[in-house]
Amino acid sequence: MGVVLNFVIKNLELPETIGALLNMIGHCHATLVNLGVDADLWDVFAEALLECSLEWGEKNRRVEEVRKAWAIIIAFITEKIKSGYNEARKGIIYYQQTQQSMI
């Protein structure tokens, strides 16, 4: 996740590019339902990232504006991953239903 966070931070002026990458990450995770990756996981993921962000950097720089900025970035990351995940899950479910109806 560190590589993704670095990419996001370095490319904040390119939200479409970041969004596309995060969407693909969500798509990739959609096949992991059997391993416990479901839609609720992304909310837990966001909470964990937010909690960690409160510990990053020097204590005297953890002002309210920085916390709000991290909250916005984390919400963006999570929503884009969640969107890709949900899109892919719909496609997988549709494919499975189509295959079963052909049997």
PDB file of N, CA and C in Angstrom:
ATOM      1  N   MET A   1       0.816  -1.194   0.000  1.00  0.00           N
ATOM      2  CA  MET A   1       0.000   0.000   0.000  1.00  0.00           C
ATOM      3  C   MET A   1       0.857   1.254   0.000  1.00  0.00           C
ATOM      4  N   GLY A   2       2.069   1.153   0.538  1.00  0.00           N
ATOM      5  CA  GLY A   2       2.951   2.316   0.578  1.00  0.00           C
ATOM      6  C   GLY A   2       3.248   2.880  -0.797  1.00  0.00           C
ATOM      7  N   VAL A   3       3.429   2.001  -1.782  1.00  0.00           N
ATOM      8  CA  VAL A   3       3.702   2.439  -3.147  1.00  0.00           C
ATOM      9  C   VAL A   3       2.504   3.206  -3.688  1.00  0.00           C
ATOM     10  N   VAL A   4       1.312   2.703  -3.423  1.00  0.00           N
ATOM     11  CA  VAL A   4       0.093   3.360  -3.899  1.00  0.00           C
ATOM     12  C   VAL A   4      -0.065   4.722  -3.229  1.00  0.00           C
ATOM     13  N   LEU A   5       0.135   4.795  -1.923  1.00  0.00           N
ATOM     14  CA  LEU A   5       0.035   6.084  -1.225  1.00  0.00           C
ATOM     15  C   LEU A   5       1.039   7.086  -1.778  1.00  0.00           C
ATOM     16  N   ASN A   6       2.262   6.648  -2.009  1.00  0.00           N
ATOM     17  CA  ASN A   6       3.271   7.542  -2.586  1.00  0.00           C
ATOM     18  C   ASN A   6       2.834   8.042  -3.956  1.00  0.00           C
ATOM     19  N   PHE A   7       2.288   7.136  -4.777  1.00  0.00           N
ATOM     20  CA  PHE A   7       1.812   7.522  -6.105  1.00  0.00           C
ATOM     21  C   PHE A   7       0.693   8.553  -5.997  1.00  0.00           C
ATOM     22  N   VAL A   8      -0.243   8.309  -5.104  1.00  0.00           N
ATOM     23  CA  VAL A   8      -1.367   9.232  -4.918  1.00  0.00           C
ATOM     24  C   VAL A   8      -0.856  10.609  -4.506  1.00  0.00           C
ATOM     25  N   ILE A   9       0.004  10.657  -3.511  1.00  0.00           N
ATOM     26  CA  ILE A   9       0.505  11.932  -3.002  1.00  0.00           C
ATOM     27  C   ILE A   9       1.298  12.681  -4.075  1.00  0.00           C
ATOM     28  N   LYS A  10       2.111  11.968  -4.838  1.00  0.00           N
ATOM     29  CA  LYS A  10       2.927  12.619  -5.868  1.00  0.00           C
ATOM     30  C   LYS A  10       2.109  13.081  -7.064  1.00  0.00           C
ATOM     31  N   ASN A  11       0.894  12.557  -7.202  1.00  0.00           N
ATOM     32  CA  ASN A  11       0.076  12.870  -8.375  1.00  0.00           C
ATOM     33  C   ASN A  11      -1.282  13.456  -8.016  1.00  0.00           C
ATOM     34  N   LEU A  12      -1.351  14.192  -6.934  1.00  0.00           N
ATOM     35  CA  LEU A  12      -2.628  14.768  -6.499  1.00  0.00           C
ATOM     36  C   LEU A  12      -3.272  15.656  -7.561  1.00  0.00           C
ATOM     37  N   GLU A  13      -2.459  16.225  -8.437  1.00  0.00           N
ATOM     38  CA  GLU A  13      -3.006  17.093  -9.485  1.00  0.00           C
ATOM     39  C   GLU A  13      -3.569  16.297 -10.667  1.00  0.00           C
ATOM     40  N   LEU A  14      -3.505  14.972 -10.589  1.00  0.00           N
ATOM     41  CA  LEU A  14      -4.019  14.097 -11.655  1.00  0.00           C
ATOM     42  C   LEU A  14      -5.066  13.124 -11.103  1.00  0.00           C
ATOM     43  N   PRO A  15      -6.196  13.636 -10.625  1.00  0.00           N
ATOM     44  CA  PRO A  15      -7.179  12.756  -9.984  1.00  0.00           C
ATOM     45  C   PRO A  15      -7.738  11.670 -10.906  1.00  0.00           C
ATOM     46  N   GLU A  16      -7.822  11.942 -12.215  1.00  0.00           N
ATOM     47  CA  GLU A  16      -8.344  10.921 -13.131  1.00  0.00           C
ATOM     48  C   GLU A  16      -7.385   9.737 -13.224  1.00  0.00           C
ATOM     49  N   THR A  17      -6.096  10.041 -13.278  1.00  0.00           N
ATOM     50  CA  THR A  17      -5.079   8.986 -13.347  1.00  0.00           C
ATOM     51  C   THR A  17      -5.069   8.166 -12.064  1.00  0.00           C
ATOM     52  N   ILE A  18      -5.097   8.867 -10.943  1.00  0.00           N
ATOM     53  CA  ILE A  18      -5.121   8.191  -9.642  1.00  0.00           C
ATOM     54  C   ILE A  18      -6.377   7.333  -9.537  1.00  0.00           C
ATOM     55  N   GLY A  19      -7.512   7.911  -9.921  1.00  0.00           N
ATOM     56  CA  GLY A  19      -8.779   7.194  -9.845  1.00  0.00           C
ATOM     57  C   GLY A  19      -8.775   5.924 -10.671  1.00  0.00           C
ATOM     58  N   ALA A  20      -8.184   5.993 -11.868  1.00  0.00           N
ATOM     59  CA  ALA A  20      -8.124   4.812 -12.737  1.00  0.00           C
ATOM     60  C   ALA A  20      -7.283   3.707 -12.096  1.00  0.00           C
ATOM     61  N   LEU A  21      -6.151   4.078 -11.515  1.00  0.00           N
ATOM     62  CA  LEU A  21      -5.301   3.090 -10.844  1.00  0.00           C
ATOM     63  C   LEU A  21      -6.035   2.453  -9.669  1.00  0.00           C
ATOM     64  N   LEU A  22      -6.663   3.274  -8.844  1.00  0.00           N
ATOM     65  CA  LEU A  22      -7.375   2.763  -7.670  1.00  0.00           C
ATOM     66  C   LEU A  22      -8.553   1.885  -8.078  1.00  0.00           C
ATOM     67  N   ASN A  23      -9.216   2.264  -9.160  1.00  0.00           N
ATOM     68  CA  ASN A  23     -10.323   1.463  -9.679  1.00  0.00           C
ATOM     69  C   ASN A  23      -9.827   0.084 -10.095  1.00  0.00           C
ATOM     70  N   MET A  24      -8.673   0.040 -10.755  1.00  0.00           N
ATOM     71  CA  MET A  24      -8.091  -1.252 -11.160  1.00  0.00           C
ATOM     72  C   MET A  24      -7.722  -2.095  -9.944  1.00  0.00           C
ATOM     73  N   ILE A  25      -7.229  -1.454  -8.905  1.00  0.00           N
ATOM     74  CA  ILE A  25      -6.904  -2.186  -7.675  1.00  0.00           C
ATOM     75  C   ILE A  25      -8.167  -2.828  -7.116  1.00  0.00           C
ATOM     76  N   GLY A  26      -9.266  -2.088  -7.121  1.00  0.00           N
ATOM     77  CA  GLY A  26     -10.541  -2.639  -6.674  1.00  0.00           C
ATOM     78  C   GLY A  26     -10.977  -3.815  -7.523  1.00  0.00           C
ATOM     79  N   HIS A  27     -10.826  -3.686  -8.848  1.00  0.00           N
ATOM     80  CA  HIS A  27     -11.165  -4.785  -9.757  1.00  0.00           C
ATOM     81  C   HIS A  27     -10.376  -6.039  -9.401  1.00  0.00           C
ATOM     82  N   CYS A  28      -9.089  -5.874  -9.153  1.00  0.00           N
ATOM     83  CA  CYS A  28      -8.226  -7.023  -8.829  1.00  0.00           C
ATOM     84  C   CYS A  28      -8.674  -7.723  -7.546  1.00  0.00           C
ATOM     85  N   HIS A  29      -9.141  -6.969  -6.588  1.00  0.00           N
ATOM     86  CA  HIS A  29      -9.549  -7.552  -5.309  1.00  0.00           C
ATOM     87  C   HIS A  29     -10.921  -8.232  -5.373  1.00  0.00           C
ATOM     88  N   ALA A  30     -11.683  -7.973  -6.425  1.00  0.00           N
ATOM     89  CA  ALA A  30     -13.033  -8.534  -6.536  1.00  0.00           C
ATOM     90  C   ALA A  30     -13.035 -10.052  -6.638  1.00  0.00           C
ATOM     91  N   THR A  31     -11.947 -10.625  -7.081  1.00  0.00           N
ATOM     92  CA  THR A  31     -11.882 -12.086  -7.215  1.00  0.00           C
ATOM     93  C   THR A  31     -11.520 -12.772  -5.901  1.00  0.00           C
ATOM     94  N   LEU A  32     -11.274 -12.003  -4.859  1.00  0.00           N
ATOM     95  CA  LEU A  32     -10.810 -12.566  -3.587  1.00  0.00           C
ATOM     96  C   LEU A  32     -11.922 -12.749  -2.557  1.00  0.00           C
ATOM     97  N   VAL A  33     -13.163 -12.796  -3.010  1.00  0.00           N
ATOM     98  CA  VAL A  33     -14.296 -12.956  -2.097  1.00  0.00           C
ATOM     99  C   VAL A  33     -14.157 -14.225  -1.271  1.00  0.00           C
ATOM    100  N   ASN A  34     -13.708 -15.298  -1.884  1.00  0.00           N
ATOM    101  CA  ASN A  34     -13.551 -16.571  -1.164  1.00  0.00           C
ATOM    102  C   ASN A  34     -12.513 -16.484  -0.051  1.00  0.00           C
ATOM    103  N   LEU A  35     -11.656 -15.470  -0.112  1.00  0.00           N
ATOM    104  CA  LEU A  35     -10.628 -15.278   0.917  1.00  0.00           C
ATOM    105  C   LEU A  35     -11.053 -14.253   1.964  1.00  0.00           C
ATOM    106  N   GLY A  36     -12.302 -13.816   1.903  1.00  0.00           N
ATOM    107  CA  GLY A  36     -12.817 -12.900   2.914  1.00  0.00           C
ATOM    108  C   GLY A  36     -12.808 -11.435   2.518  1.00  0.00           C
ATOM    109  N   VAL A  37     -12.441 -11.135   1.276  1.00  0.00           N
ATOM    110  CA  VAL A  37     -12.456  -9.746   0.826  1.00  0.00           C
ATOM    111  C   VAL A  37     -13.868  -9.435   0.343  1.00  0.00           C
ATOM    112  N   ASP A  38     -14.584  -8.639   1.118  1.00  0.00           N
ATOM    113  CA  ASP A  38     -15.927  -8.235   0.707  1.00  0.00           C
ATOM    114  C   ASP A  38     -16.046  -6.715   0.786  1.00  0.00           C
ATOM    115  N   ALA A  39     -17.200  -6.187   0.412  1.00  0.00           N
ATOM    116  CA  ALA A  39     -17.397  -4.739   0.336  1.00  0.00           C
ATOM    117  C   ALA A  39     -17.166  -4.041   1.676  1.00  0.00           C
ATOM    118  N   ASP A  40     -17.484  -4.701   2.778  1.00  0.00           N
ATOM    119  CA  ASP A  40     -17.311  -4.089   4.099  1.00  0.00           C
ATOM    120  C   ASP A  40     -15.843  -3.889   4.467  1.00  0.00           C
ATOM    121  N   LEU A  41     -14.969  -4.668   3.861  1.00  0.00           N
ATOM    122  CA  LEU A  41     -13.545  -4.566   4.167  1.00  0.00           C
ATOM    123  C   LEU A  41     -13.004  -3.171   3.876  1.00  0.00           C
ATOM    124  N   TRP A  42     -13.537  -2.519   2.852  1.00  0.00           N
ATOM    125  CA  TRP A  42     -12.992  -1.216   2.453  1.00  0.00           C
ATOM    126  C   TRP A  42     -13.256  -0.138   3.496  1.00  0.00           C
ATOM    127  N   ASP A  43     -14.350  -0.256   4.239  1.00  0.00           N
ATOM    128  CA  ASP A  43     -14.603   0.701   5.323  1.00  0.00           C
ATOM    129  C   ASP A  43     -13.610   0.497   6.460  1.00  0.00           C
ATOM    130  N   VAL A  44     -13.311  -0.753   6.760  1.00  0.00           N
ATOM    131  CA  VAL A  44     -12.315  -1.074   7.792  1.00  0.00           C
ATOM    132  C   VAL A  44     -10.942  -0.576   7.338  1.00  0.00           C
ATOM    133  N   PHE A  45     -10.644  -0.790   6.067  1.00  0.00           N
ATOM    134  CA  PHE A  45      -9.388  -0.326   5.484  1.00  0.00           C
ATOM    135  C   PHE A  45      -9.255   1.191   5.632  1.00  0.00           C
ATOM    136  N   ALA A  46     -10.318   1.921   5.322  1.00  0.00           N
ATOM    137  CA  ALA A  46     -10.298   3.388   5.431  1.00  0.00           C
ATOM    138  C   ALA A  46     -10.067   3.827   6.872  1.00  0.00           C
ATOM    139  N   GLU A  47     -10.750   3.181   7.804  1.00  0.00           N
ATOM    140  CA  GLU A  47     -10.576   3.518   9.224  1.00  0.00           C
ATOM    141  C   GLU A  47      -9.139   3.273   9.671  1.00  0.00           C
ATOM    142  N   ALA A  48      -8.565   2.155   9.241  1.00  0.00           N
ATOM    143  CA  ALA A  48      -7.185   1.830   9.622  1.00  0.00           C
ATOM    144  C   ALA A  48      -6.203   2.850   9.042  1.00  0.00           C
ATOM    145  N   LEU A  49      -6.396   3.207   7.784  1.00  0.00           N
ATOM    146  CA  LEU A  49      -5.528   4.213   7.174  1.00  0.00           C
ATOM    147  C   LEU A  49      -5.643   5.555   7.886  1.00  0.00           C
ATOM    148  N   LEU A  50      -6.870   5.938   8.205  1.00  0.00           N
ATOM    149  CA  LEU A  50      -7.088   7.212   8.893  1.00  0.00           C
ATOM    150  C   LEU A  50      -6.409   7.215  10.253  1.00  0.00           C
ATOM    151  N   GLU A  51      -6.539   6.112  10.956  1.00  0.00           N
ATOM    152  CA  GLU A  51      -5.894   5.986  12.263  1.00  0.00           C
ATOM    153  C   GLU A  51      -4.374   6.096  12.130  1.00  0.00           C
ATOM    154  N   CYS A  52      -3.821   5.415  11.148  1.00  0.00           N
ATOM    155  CA  CYS A  52      -2.371   5.473  10.918  1.00  0.00           C
ATOM    156  C   CYS A  52      -1.926   6.877  10.532  1.00  0.00           C
ATOM    157  N   SER A  53      -2.739   7.561   9.741  1.00  0.00           N
ATOM    158  CA  SER A  53      -2.353   8.902   9.288  1.00  0.00           C
ATOM    159  C   SER A  53      -2.200   9.873  10.450  1.00  0.00           C
ATOM    160  N   LEU A  54      -2.891   9.614  11.540  1.00  0.00           N
ATOM    161  CA  LEU A  54      -2.779  10.480  12.716  1.00  0.00           C
ATOM    162  C   LEU A  54      -1.417  10.350  13.381  1.00  0.00           C
ATOM    163  N   GLU A  55      -0.706   9.269  13.073  1.00  0.00           N
ATOM    164  CA  GLU A  55       0.609   9.027  13.669  1.00  0.00           C
ATOM    165  C   GLU A  55       1.762   9.439  12.755  1.00  0.00           C
ATOM    166  N   TRP A  56       1.480   9.731  11.487  1.00  0.00           N
ATOM    167  CA  TRP A  56       2.536  10.053  10.532  1.00  0.00           C
ATOM    168  C   TRP A  56       3.094  11.443  10.785  1.00  0.00           C
ATOM    169  N   GLY A  57       4.364  11.599  10.549  1.00  0.00           N
ATOM    170  CA  GLY A  57       5.000  12.907  10.643  1.00  0.00           C
ATOM    171  C   GLY A  57       5.300  13.325  12.069  1.00  0.00           C
ATOM    172  N   GLU A  58       5.815  14.528  12.172  1.00  0.00           N
ATOM    173  CA  GLU A  58       6.165  15.072  13.475  1.00  0.00           C
ATOM    174  C   GLU A  58       4.907  15.504  14.216  1.00  0.00           C
ATOM    175  N   LYS A  59       4.925  15.316  15.522  1.00  0.00           N
ATOM    176  CA  LYS A  59       3.746  15.637  16.330  1.00  0.00           C
ATOM    177  C   LYS A  59       3.309  17.088  16.178  1.00  0.00           C
ATOM    178  N   ASN A  60       4.253  18.007  16.134  1.00  0.00           N
ATOM    179  CA  ASN A  60       3.893  19.423  16.058  1.00  0.00           C
ATOM    180  C   ASN A  60       3.308  19.819  14.705  1.00  0.00           C
ATOM    181  N   ARG A  61       3.374  18.929  13.727  1.00  0.00           N
ATOM    182  CA  ARG A  61       2.794  19.217  12.405  1.00  0.00           C
ATOM    183  C   ARG A  61       1.431  18.560  12.213  1.00  0.00           C
ATOM    184  N   ARG A  62       0.931  17.897  13.199  1.00  0.00           N
ATOM    185  CA  ARG A  62      -0.365  17.211  13.093  1.00  0.00           C
ATOM    186  C   ARG A  62      -1.497  18.175  13.432  1.00  0.00           C
ATOM    187  N   VAL A  63      -1.643  19.190  12.625  1.00  0.00           N
ATOM    188  CA  VAL A  63      -2.689  20.187  12.842  1.00  0.00           C
ATOM    189  C   VAL A  63      -3.986  19.719  12.185  1.00  0.00           C
ATOM    190  N   GLU A  64      -5.049  20.385  12.514  1.00  0.00           N
ATOM    191  CA  GLU A  64      -6.381  19.997  12.026  1.00  0.00           C
ATOM    192  C   GLU A  64      -6.456  19.980  10.493  1.00  0.00           C
ATOM    193  N   GLU A  65      -5.823  20.946   9.838  1.00  0.00           N
ATOM    194  CA  GLU A  65      -5.861  20.999   8.371  1.00  0.00           C
ATOM    195  C   GLU A  65      -5.212  19.762   7.755  1.00  0.00           C
ATOM    196  N   VAL A  66      -4.126  19.308   8.364  1.00  0.00           N
ATOM    197  CA  VAL A  66      -3.440  18.116   7.860  1.00  0.00           C
ATOM    198  C   VAL A  66      -4.319  16.887   8.065  1.00  0.00           C
ATOM    199  N   ARG A  67      -4.951  16.798   9.207  1.00  0.00           N
ATOM    200  CA  ARG A  67      -5.859  15.663   9.466  1.00  0.00           C
ATOM    201  C   ARG A  67      -7.009  15.645   8.473  1.00  0.00           C
ATOM    202  N   LYS A  68      -7.573  16.825   8.208  1.00  0.00           N
ATOM    203  CA  LYS A  68      -8.675  16.914   7.245  1.00  0.00           C
ATOM    204  C   LYS A  68      -8.208  16.529   5.841  1.00  0.00           C
ATOM    205  N   ALA A  69      -7.017  16.984   5.479  1.00  0.00           N
ATOM    206  CA  ALA A  69      -6.479  16.648   4.155  1.00  0.00           C
ATOM    207  C   ALA A  69      -6.301  15.138   4.010  1.00  0.00           C
ATOM    208  N   TRP A  70      -5.742  14.496   5.038  1.00  0.00           N
ATOM    209  CA  TRP A  70      -5.582  13.038   4.998  1.00  0.00           C
ATOM    210  C   TRP A  70      -6.944  12.353   4.934  1.00  0.00           C
ATOM    211  N   ALA A  71      -7.908  12.856   5.659  1.00  0.00           N
ATOM    212  CA  ALA A  71      -9.248  12.252   5.633  1.00  0.00           C
ATOM    213  C   ALA A  71      -9.839  12.321   4.225  1.00  0.00           C
ATOM    214  N   ILE A  72      -9.645  13.441   3.550  1.00  0.00           N
ATOM    215  CA  ILE A  72     -10.158  13.597   2.186  1.00  0.00           C
ATOM    216  C   ILE A  72      -9.435  12.647   1.230  1.00  0.00           C
ATOM    217  N   ILE A  73      -8.125  12.579   1.339  1.00  0.00           N
ATOM    218  CA  ILE A  73      -7.339  11.690   0.469  1.00  0.00           C
ATOM    219  C   ILE A  73      -7.728  10.232   0.695  1.00  0.00           C
ATOM    220  N   ILE A  74      -7.861   9.842   1.946  1.00  0.00           N
ATOM    221  CA  ILE A  74      -8.218   8.454   2.273  1.00  0.00           C
ATOM    222  C   ILE A  74      -9.628   8.128   1.792  1.00  0.00           C
ATOM    223  N   ALA A  75     -10.548   9.076   1.923  1.00  0.00           N
ATOM    224  CA  ALA A  75     -11.915   8.862   1.425  1.00  0.00           C
ATOM    225  C   ALA A  75     -11.896   8.677  -0.095  1.00  0.00           C
ATOM    226  N   PHE A  76     -11.114   9.490  -0.788  1.00  0.00           N
ATOM    227  CA  PHE A  76     -10.991   9.374  -2.243  1.00  0.00           C
ATOM    228  C   PHE A  76     -10.433   8.004  -2.629  1.00  0.00           C
ATOM    229  N   ILE A  77      -9.344   7.612  -1.969  1.00  0.00           N
ATOM    230  CA  ILE A  77      -8.717   6.314  -2.245  1.00  0.00           C
ATOM    231  C   ILE A  77      -9.721   5.187  -2.042  1.00  0.00           C
ATOM    232  N   THR A  78     -10.379   5.204  -0.909  1.00  0.00           N
ATOM    233  CA  THR A  78     -11.311   4.131  -0.562  1.00  0.00           C
ATOM    234  C   THR A  78     -12.495   4.079  -1.516  1.00  0.00           C
ATOM    235  N   GLU A  79     -13.051   5.233  -1.848  1.00  0.00           N
ATOM    236  CA  GLU A  79     -14.216   5.249  -2.739  1.00  0.00           C
ATOM    237  C   GLU A  79     -13.869   4.733  -4.130  1.00  0.00           C
ATOM    238  N   LYS A  80     -12.694   5.086  -4.640  1.00  0.00           N
ATOM    239  CA  LYS A  80     -12.293   4.613  -5.971  1.00  0.00           C
ATOM    240  C   LYS A  80     -12.032   3.105  -5.969  1.00  0.00           C
ATOM    241  N   ILE A  81     -11.371   2.615  -4.924  1.00  0.00           N
ATOM    242  CA  ILE A  81     -11.131   1.166  -4.831  1.00  0.00           C
ATOM    243  C   ILE A  81     -12.463   0.435  -4.692  1.00  0.00           C
ATOM    244  N   LYS A  82     -13.330   0.955  -3.836  1.00  0.00           N
ATOM    245  CA  LYS A  82     -14.644   0.346  -3.616  1.00  0.00           C
ATOM    246  C   LYS A  82     -15.456   0.314  -4.911  1.00  0.00           C
ATOM    247  N   SER A  83     -15.398   1.392  -5.658  1.00  0.00           N
ATOM    248  CA  SER A  83     -16.130   1.469  -6.919  1.00  0.00           C
ATOM    249  C   SER A  83     -15.649   0.399  -7.901  1.00  0.00           C
ATOM    250  N   GLY A  84     -14.343   0.263  -8.036  1.00  0.00           N
ATOM    251  CA  GLY A  84     -13.793  -0.773  -8.914  1.00  0.00           C
ATOM    252  C   GLY A  84     -14.149  -2.165  -8.441  1.00  0.00           C
ATOM    253  N   TYR A  85     -14.083  -2.366  -7.140  1.00  0.00           N
ATOM    254  CA  TYR A  85     -14.434  -3.658  -6.546  1.00  0.00           C
ATOM    255  C   TYR A  85     -15.893  -4.002  -6.864  1.00  0.00           C
ATOM    256  N   ASN A  86     -16.799  -3.051  -6.616  1.00  0.00           N
ATOM    257  CA  ASN A  86     -18.229  -3.303  -6.838  1.00  0.00           C
ATOM    258  C   ASN A  86     -18.546  -3.534  -8.309  1.00  0.00           C
ATOM    259  N   GLU A  87     -17.913  -2.769  -9.196  1.00  0.00           N
ATOM    260  CA  GLU A  87     -18.116  -2.975 -10.638  1.00  0.00           C
ATOM    261  C   GLU A  87     -17.703  -4.392 -11.042  1.00  0.00           C
ATOM    262  N   ALA A  88     -16.539  -4.789 -10.599  1.00  0.00           N
ATOM    263  CA  ALA A  88     -16.034  -6.119 -10.957  1.00  0.00           C
ATOM    264  C   ALA A  88     -16.881  -7.224 -10.344  1.00  0.00           C
ATOM    265  N   ARG A  89     -17.328  -7.047  -9.112  1.00  0.00           N
ATOM    266  CA  ARG A  89     -18.177  -8.061  -8.467  1.00  0.00           C
ATOM    267  C   ARG A  89     -19.465  -8.245  -9.260  1.00  0.00           C
ATOM    268  N   LYS A  90     -20.061  -7.149  -9.720  1.00  0.00           N
ATOM    269  CA  LYS A  90     -21.283  -7.253 -10.527  1.00  0.00           C
ATOM    270  C   LYS A  90     -21.018  -8.062 -11.790  1.00  0.00           C
ATOM    271  N   GLY A  91     -19.886  -7.802 -12.427  1.00  0.00           N
ATOM    272  CA  GLY A  91     -19.523  -8.549 -13.632  1.00  0.00           C
ATOM    273  C   GLY A  91     -19.303 -10.022 -13.351  1.00  0.00           C
ATOM    274  N   ILE A  92     -18.651 -10.323 -12.250  1.00  0.00           N
ATOM    275  CA  ILE A  92     -18.393 -11.718 -11.870  1.00  0.00           C
ATOM    276  C   ILE A  92     -19.703 -12.437 -11.573  1.00  0.00           C
ATOM    277  N   ILE A  93     -20.566 -11.795 -10.820  1.00  0.00           N
ATOM    278  CA  ILE A  93     -21.862 -12.399 -10.472  1.00  0.00           C
ATOM    279  C   ILE A  93     -22.690 -12.629 -11.734  1.00  0.00           C
ATOM    280  N   TYR A  94     -22.710 -11.644 -12.624  1.00  0.00           N
ATOM    281  CA  TYR A  94     -23.452 -11.788 -13.875  1.00  0.00           C
ATOM    282  C   TYR A  94     -22.903 -12.965 -14.681  1.00  0.00           C
ATOM    283  N   TYR A  95     -21.586 -13.067 -14.775  1.00  0.00           N
ATOM    284  CA  TYR A  95     -20.948 -14.163 -15.508  1.00  0.00           C
ATOM    285  C   TYR A  95     -21.320 -15.511 -14.894  1.00  0.00           C
ATOM    286  N   GLN A  96     -21.258 -15.601 -13.565  1.00  0.00           N
ATOM    287  CA  GLN A  96     -21.586 -16.861 -12.888  1.00  0.00           C
ATOM    288  C   GLN A  96     -23.042 -17.243 -13.121  1.00  0.00           C
ATOM    289  N   GLN A  97     -23.939 -16.269 -13.054  1.00  0.00           N
ATOM    290  CA  GLN A  97     -25.357 -16.548 -13.277  1.00  0.00           C
ATOM    291  C   GLN A  97     -25.604 -16.980 -14.719  1.00  0.00           C
ATOM    292  N   THR A  98     -24.922 -16.345 -15.642  1.00  0.00           N
ATOM    293  CA  THR A  98     -25.062 -16.693 -17.055  1.00  0.00           C
ATOM    294  C   THR A  98     -24.575 -18.117 -17.301  1.00  0.00           C
ATOM    295  N   GLN A  99     -23.452 -18.463 -16.692  1.00  0.00           N
ATOM    296  CA  GLN A  99     -22.903 -19.810 -16.849  1.00  0.00           C
ATOM    297  C   GLN A  99     -23.842 -20.860 -16.264  1.00  0.00           C
ATOM    298  N   GLN A 100     -24.427 -20.569 -15.112  1.00  0.00           N
ATOM    299  CA  GLN A 100     -25.341 -21.523 -14.471  1.00  0.00           C
ATOM    300  C   GLN A 100     -26.616 -21.694 -15.276  1.00  0.00           C
ATOM    301  N   SER A 101     -27.096 -20.624 -15.890  1.00  0.00           N
ATOM    302  CA  SER A 101     -28.332 -20.734 -16.665  1.00  0.00           C
ATOM    303  C   SER A 101     -28.113 -21.503 -17.966  1.00  0.00           C
ATOM    304  N   MET A 102     -26.879 -21.628 -18.384  1.00  0.00           N
ATOM    305  CA  MET A 102     -26.573 -22.376 -19.604  1.00  0.00           C
ATOM    306  C   MET A 102     -26.488 -23.870 -19.343  1.00  0.00           C
ATOM    307  N   ILE A 103     -26.381 -24.248 -18.073  1.00  0.00           N
ATOM    308  CA  ILE A 103     -26.238 -25.669 -17.724  1.00  0.00           C
ATOM    309  C   ILE A 103     -27.567 -26.371 -17.765  1.00  0.00           C
TER     310      ILE A 103
END
